[in-house]
Protein backbone atom coordinates (compact mmCIF):
# COMPACT_ATOMS: atom_id res chain seq x y z
CA MET A 1 -0.01 0.02 0.00
CA THR A 2 1.31 3.46 -0.85
CA VAL A 3 -0.37 6.73 0.09
CA SER A 4 1.04 9.83 -1.62
CA GLN A 5 0.65 13.45 -2.18
CA SER A 6 2.44 13.35 -5.47
CA PRO A 7 3.03 10.68 -8.15
CA CYS A 8 2.30 7.32 -6.63
CA GLY A 9 5.49 5.14 -6.89
CA GLY A 10 3.59 1.92 -6.27
CA CYS A 11 0.86 2.38 -8.82
CA ALA A 12 2.66 0.82 -11.86
CA GLY A 13 3.57 4.13 -13.44
CA ARG A 14 0.26 5.89 -13.06
CA ARG A 15 0.47 9.50 -12.04
CA VAL A 16 -1.70 10.84 -9.18
CA ALA A 17 -1.00 14.50 -9.03
CA ALA A 18 -1.67 16.39 -5.72
CA ARG A 19 -4.25 13.79 -4.57
CA ARG A 20 -4.22 11.31 -1.75
CA ALA A 21 -4.23 7.91 -3.36
CA LEU A 22 -4.55 4.53 -1.99
CA CYS A 23 -2.74 1.85 -4.03
CA ILE A 24 -3.91 -1.68 -3.54
CA LYS A 25 -1.55 -4.60 -4.33
CA THR A 26 -2.88 -7.32 -1.98
CA ALA A 27 -5.99 -8.05 -0.04
CA ALA A 28 -4.40 -6.59 3.12
CA ASP A 29 -4.18 -3.14 1.53
CA LEU A 30 -8.01 -3.02 1.45
CA GLY A 31 -8.18 -2.55 5.26
CA PRO A 32 -7.71 1.22 5.28
CA LEU A 33 -10.88 1.66 3.25
CA LEU A 34 -12.94 0.23 6.15
CA ARG A 35 -11.09 2.10 8.82
CA SER A 36 -11.21 5.61 7.44
CA PHE A 37 -13.75 7.96 5.89
CA ARG A 38 -12.99 10.36 3.01
CA ARG A 39 -9.23 10.13 3.54
CA TYR A 40 -8.41 9.05 0.01
CA ASP A 41 -9.22 10.90 -3.26
CA ALA A 42 -8.25 8.07 -5.56
CA ILE A 43 -8.00 4.33 -5.34
CA HIS A 44 -5.75 2.35 -7.66
CA ILE A 45 -5.50 -1.39 -7.86
CA VAL A 46 -2.08 -2.47 -8.92
CA SER A 47 -2.73 -6.28 -8.79
CA ASP A 48 -2.71 -8.26 -12.01
CA ALA A 49 -5.53 -10.52 -10.57
CA ILE A 50 -8.20 -8.28 -11.89
CA ALA A 51 -6.51 -6.54 -14.84
CA GLU A 52 -9.66 -6.78 -16.96
CA ASP A 53 -12.01 -5.25 -14.28
CA ARG A 54 -9.59 -2.85 -12.66
CA ASP A 55 -11.35 0.32 -13.65
CA LEU A 56 -14.77 -1.05 -12.65
CA TRP A 57 -13.43 -2.04 -9.17
CA GLU A 58 -11.53 1.35 -8.69
CA GLN A 59 -14.74 3.16 -9.53
CA ARG A 60 -16.98 1.02 -7.36
CA LEU A 61 -14.71 1.27 -4.34
CA LEU A 62 -14.11 5.08 -4.60
CA SER A 63 -17.86 5.69 -5.11
CA ALA A 64 -18.85 3.73 -2.09
CA TYR A 65 -15.95 5.00 -0.03
CA SER A 66 -16.54 8.61 -0.69
CA ASP A 67 -20.28 8.77 -0.61
CA CYS A 68 -21.41 11.47 1.74
CA GLY A 69 -25.17 10.53 1.85
CA CYS A 70 -26.32 13.81 0.31
CA THR A 71 -28.35 12.15 -2.40
CA VAL A 72 -30.41 10.11 0.02
CA GLY A 73 -30.65 13.07 2.35
CA GLY A 74 -31.86 15.29 -0.46
CA ALA A 75 -34.48 12.70 -1.47
CA ALA A 76 -35.71 12.53 2.14
CA LEU A 77 -35.95 16.31 2.24
CA VAL A 78 -37.93 16.55 -1.01
CA LEU A 79 -40.17 13.67 0.00
CA THR A 80 -40.86 15.28 3.40
CA LEU A 81 -41.75 18.71 1.68
CA GLY A 82 -43.99 16.93 -0.76
CA ALA A 83 -45.76 15.01 1.91
CA TRP A 84 -46.28 18.14 3.88
CA ALA A 85 -47.59 20.00 0.76
CA VAL A 86 -50.11 17.19 0.07
CA ILE A 87 -51.18 17.09 3.77
CA SER A 88 -51.68 20.88 3.87
CA LEU A 89 -53.63 20.88 0.67
CA VAL A 90 -55.97 18.13 1.73
CA SER A 91 -56.46 19.36 5.27
CA HIS A 92 -57.17 23.07 4.34
CA GLU A 93 -55.48 24.27 7.56
CA THR A 94 -54.23 27.81 7.84
CA TRP A 95 -50.49 28.23 8.21
CA THR A 96 -49.19 29.52 11.52
CA TRP A 97 -45.74 30.13 12.78
CA ARG A 98 -45.99 26.90 14.77
CA SER A 99 -46.86 24.86 11.67
CA ALA A 100 -44.00 26.59 9.71
CA TRP A 101 -41.43 25.63 12.49
CA LEU A 102 -42.87 22.11 12.51
CA VAL A 103 -42.28 21.77 8.69
CA ILE A 104 -38.76 23.23 9.06
CA GLY A 105 -37.95 20.80 11.87
CA ALA A 106 -39.36 17.85 9.98
CA CYS A 107 -37.34 18.74 6.91
CA VAL A 108 -34.09 19.16 8.82
CA ALA A 109 -34.79 15.83 10.60
CA ALA A 110 -35.64 14.04 7.44
CA ALA A 111 -32.44 15.38 5.67
CA LEU A 112 -30.22 14.32 8.55
CA VAL A 113 -31.78 10.90 8.89
CA GLY A 114 -31.58 10.43 5.06
CA LYS A 115 -27.92 11.52 5.10
CA ALA A 116 -27.15 9.03 7.81
CA ALA A 117 -28.93 6.27 6.01
CA GLY A 118 -27.07 7.08 2.71
CA ILE A 119 -23.78 6.85 4.49
CA ALA A 120 -24.77 3.57 6.11
CA PHE A 121 -25.95 2.11 2.81
CA ALA A 122 -22.63 3.14 1.13
CA ARG A 123 -20.54 1.63 3.90
CA ILE A 124 -22.51 -1.66 3.67
CA GLY A 125 -21.85 -1.70 -0.11
CA LEU A 126 -18.14 -0.88 0.53
CA ARG A 127 -17.89 -3.79 3.00
CA ARG A 128 -19.51 -6.05 0.40
CA ASP A 129 -17.17 -4.93 -2.34
CA VAL A 130 -14.12 -5.25 -0.12
CA ARG A 131 -15.13 -8.87 0.77
CA ARG A 132 -15.57 -9.74 -2.82
CA LEU A 133 -12.25 -8.08 -3.89
CA THR A 134 -10.42 -9.79 -0.98
CA LEU A 135 -11.55 -13.21 -2.37
CA ILE A 136 -10.33 -12.21 -5.80
CA LEU A 137 -6.99 -10.86 -4.67
CA ALA A 138 -6.47 -13.92 -2.31
CA GLY A 139 -5.89 -16.17 -5.22
CA PRO A 140 -7.26 -17.98 -8.27
CA ALA A 141 -8.97 -20.67 -6.19
CA SER A 142 -11.36 -18.16 -4.65
CA ARG A 143 -12.31 -16.16 -7.81
CA VAL A 144 -15.79 -14.86 -8.21
CA THR A 145 -17.33 -13.09 -11.15
CA VAL A 146 -18.42 -9.50 -10.76
CA ARG A 147 -21.83 -8.31 -11.94
CA GLY A 148 -22.32 -4.57 -12.32
């Protein structure tokens, strides 16, 4: 494993300028992905065991590793606002400051819960991908096929 701020010497000649890169040669090099959060800007797999699927694995690992949960949090916010709009149209209640603060509180809570759920889903996916890639890097006897 090589972490660099400049060209990565362990990445088989690939250049990683001014980024924090994790270079994976063996299954043991996958550990830092599960023990850190948003520390690496790039992930490079140097092993020849997955030469044909290298770009796919690098993209999947980096996507799951760096996911911040904003997409799920944003979706939860929009759904909460939509539900509140439908409820207010159906109930024909007049708006008060109290109801406005309830809407704001519900939206903030939904966004935070959604963000946490998005991060949790991404970490679960990352653990699954690390397990699968560990089996592949461990040797040819434990190879599995990857489905997008």
